[in-house]
Protein backbone atom coordinates (compact mmCIF):
# COMPACT_ATOMS: atom_id res chain seq x y z
CA MET A 1 1.73 16.68 -2.74
CA ARG A 2 3.88 15.13 -5.44
CA GLY A 3 6.90 16.76 -3.77
CA ARG A 4 6.42 14.64 -0.63
CA LEU A 5 6.24 11.51 -2.75
CA ALA A 6 9.38 12.46 -4.64
CA ARG A 7 11.22 13.09 -1.36
CA LEU A 8 10.01 9.75 0.05
CA ARG A 9 11.13 7.88 -3.06
CA GLN A 10 14.51 9.65 -3.00
CA ARG A 11 15.03 8.68 0.64
CA LEU A 12 14.15 5.09 -0.28
CA ALA A 13 16.59 5.18 -3.20
CA ASP A 14 19.30 6.51 -0.88
CA GLY A 15 18.90 3.38 1.24
CA ALA A 16 17.16 5.11 4.12
CA CYS A 17 14.08 2.88 4.03
CA ASP A 18 14.89 1.35 7.40
CA THR A 19 14.32 4.73 9.04
CA VAL A 20 11.66 6.33 6.82
CA GLU A 21 8.23 6.61 8.38
CA VAL A 22 5.27 6.94 6.01
CA ASP A 23 3.02 9.82 6.97
CA PRO A 24 -0.62 9.65 5.82
CA ASP A 25 -0.12 12.36 3.17
CA ALA A 26 2.88 10.55 1.68
CA PHE A 27 0.87 7.32 1.69
CA ASP A 28 -1.94 9.07 -0.18
CA ASP A 29 0.58 10.43 -2.70
CA LEU A 30 2.08 6.97 -3.14
CA VAL A 31 -1.21 5.20 -3.77
CA THR A 32 -2.74 7.87 -5.99
CA SER A 33 0.44 7.98 -8.09
CA LEU A 34 -0.40 4.50 -9.40
CA PRO A 35 -2.23 4.59 -12.74
CA GLY A 36 -6.01 4.41 -12.36
CA VAL A 37 -6.12 4.64 -8.56
CA ARG A 38 -8.66 7.06 -7.13
CA ARG A 39 -9.14 8.20 -3.56
CA THR A 40 -12.57 8.35 -2.00
CA SER A 41 -13.71 8.48 1.59
CA ALA A 42 -16.35 6.68 3.58
CA GLY A 43 -17.21 7.59 7.14
CA GLY A 44 -14.34 10.08 7.21
CA LEU A 45 -11.72 7.43 6.33
CA ALA A 46 -9.87 7.27 3.02
CA ARG A 47 -10.24 4.45 0.49
CA TRP A 48 -8.07 3.94 -2.56
CA GLN A 49 -9.58 1.98 -5.43
CA TYR A 50 -8.71 0.92 -8.94
CA GLN A 51 -11.86 0.83 -11.10
CA GLY A 52 -13.96 0.27 -7.98
CA ARG A 53 -11.68 -2.49 -6.65
CA LEU A 54 -10.06 -1.95 -3.26
CA VAL A 55 -6.34 -1.30 -3.17
CA ALA A 56 -6.12 0.08 0.39
CA ARG A 57 -8.23 1.74 3.05
CA GLU A 58 -7.46 3.83 6.08
CA LEU A 59 -8.23 2.23 9.44
CA ASP A 60 -6.95 5.03 11.66
CA ALA A 61 -4.29 7.73 11.65
CA THR A 62 -1.38 5.26 11.43
CA HIS A 63 -2.82 2.03 10.02
CA VAL A 64 -4.05 1.06 6.57
CA ALA A 65 -5.51 -2.18 5.26
CA VAL A 66 -3.86 -3.21 1.98
CA ARG A 67 -5.42 -5.85 -0.27
CA VAL A 68 -2.72 -8.31 -1.34
CA PRO A 69 -2.72 -11.95 -2.46
CA PHE A 70 -2.46 -14.49 0.36
CA ASP A 71 1.08 -15.55 -0.63
CA VAL A 72 2.26 -11.94 -0.54
CA ARG A 73 0.49 -11.40 2.80
CA ASP A 74 2.22 -14.46 4.27
CA ALA A 75 5.62 -13.25 3.05
CA LEU A 76 5.07 -9.73 4.44
CA LEU A 77 4.01 -11.12 7.82
CA HIS A 78 7.02 -13.43 7.97
CA GLN A 79 9.61 -10.92 6.78
CA HIS A 80 8.27 -7.76 8.45
CA PRO A 81 6.20 -8.64 11.55
CA ASP A 82 6.99 -5.21 13.01
CA VAL A 83 5.18 -3.52 10.08
CA PHE A 84 2.39 -5.90 9.05
CA SER A 85 -0.32 -7.73 10.93
CA VAL A 86 -3.63 -9.48 10.29
CA PRO A 87 -6.32 -8.86 12.90
CA ALA A 88 -8.79 -11.73 13.36
CA ARG A 89 -11.50 -9.89 11.41
CA PHE A 90 -9.29 -9.98 8.29
CA SER A 91 -7.96 -13.54 8.64
CA LYS A 92 -10.09 -14.94 5.80
CA HIS A 93 -9.56 -11.94 3.53
CA MET A 94 -6.71 -10.92 1.25
CA ILE A 95 -5.88 -8.04 3.60
CA VAL A 96 -2.78 -7.10 5.54
CA VAL A 97 -2.65 -4.15 7.94
CA ALA A 98 0.37 -1.87 7.57
CA ASP A 99 1.63 0.28 10.44
CA LEU A 100 2.65 3.54 8.78
CA GLY A 101 4.69 4.52 11.83
CA ALA A 102 6.93 1.47 11.69
CA ASP A 103 9.77 3.22 9.81
CA GLN A 104 9.66 0.82 6.87
CA ALA A 105 8.44 2.89 3.94
CA GLY A 106 10.00 0.61 1.33
CA VAL A 107 8.05 -2.48 2.34
CA VAL A 108 4.82 -0.49 2.62
CA GLU A 109 5.40 0.75 -0.92
CA ASP A 110 6.00 -2.84 -2.08
CA ALA A 111 2.71 -3.95 -0.49
CA VAL A 112 0.79 -1.13 -2.18
CA GLU A 113 2.31 -1.96 -5.56
CA SER A 114 1.37 -5.61 -5.05
CA ALA A 115 -2.22 -4.56 -4.25
CA TRP A 116 -2.34 -2.43 -7.38
CA ARG A 117 -0.98 -5.27 -9.55
CA LEU A 118 -3.60 -7.62 -8.06
CA GLN A 119 -6.40 -5.26 -9.10
CA THR A 120 -5.01 -4.45 -12.54
CA ARG A 121 -4.37 -8.06 -13.49
CA GLY A 122 -6.07 -8.75 -16.79
CA ASP A 123 -6.76 -5.10 -17.62
CA VAL A 124 -5.18 -4.66 -21.06
CA GLY A 125 -4.81 -0.87 -20.85
CA SER A 126 -3.79 -0.68 -17.22
CA GLY A 127 -0.11 -1.30 -17.53
CA GLY A 128 -0.50 -3.99 -14.85
CA HIS A 129 1.23 -6.58 -17.03
CA GLN A 130 4.21 -4.31 -17.52
CA HIS A 131 4.66 -3.59 -13.82
CA GLY A 132 4.60 -7.20 -12.61
CA ARG A 133 7.78 -8.41 -10.97
């Protein structure tokens, strides 16, 4: 599994992020590579949590809900409307829906890292302070 993540990151580093689709296994590798994130499942759909706090959850085979601050959500929606959306049921929540098939792996990775930083904020041993940008 880590091999897929390494290949995805290498393709991103090579500047191919405009054409890199995120498959569900690579997404799982990405999220679970973050310190403290654990994968569980509910109703057959995956959930990724940091110390019980939601980072992301699978909605269907190609869409995931990612928990990000409202300002980050607004920026993602404005800059990448082809990748991110907010269905009405999430409008009052710090959630953005990412389309994993939108060939924008780099921005999906940024959203996941933002979600992780949101959940690790204030955790002394998490490394969250060191990863903030």
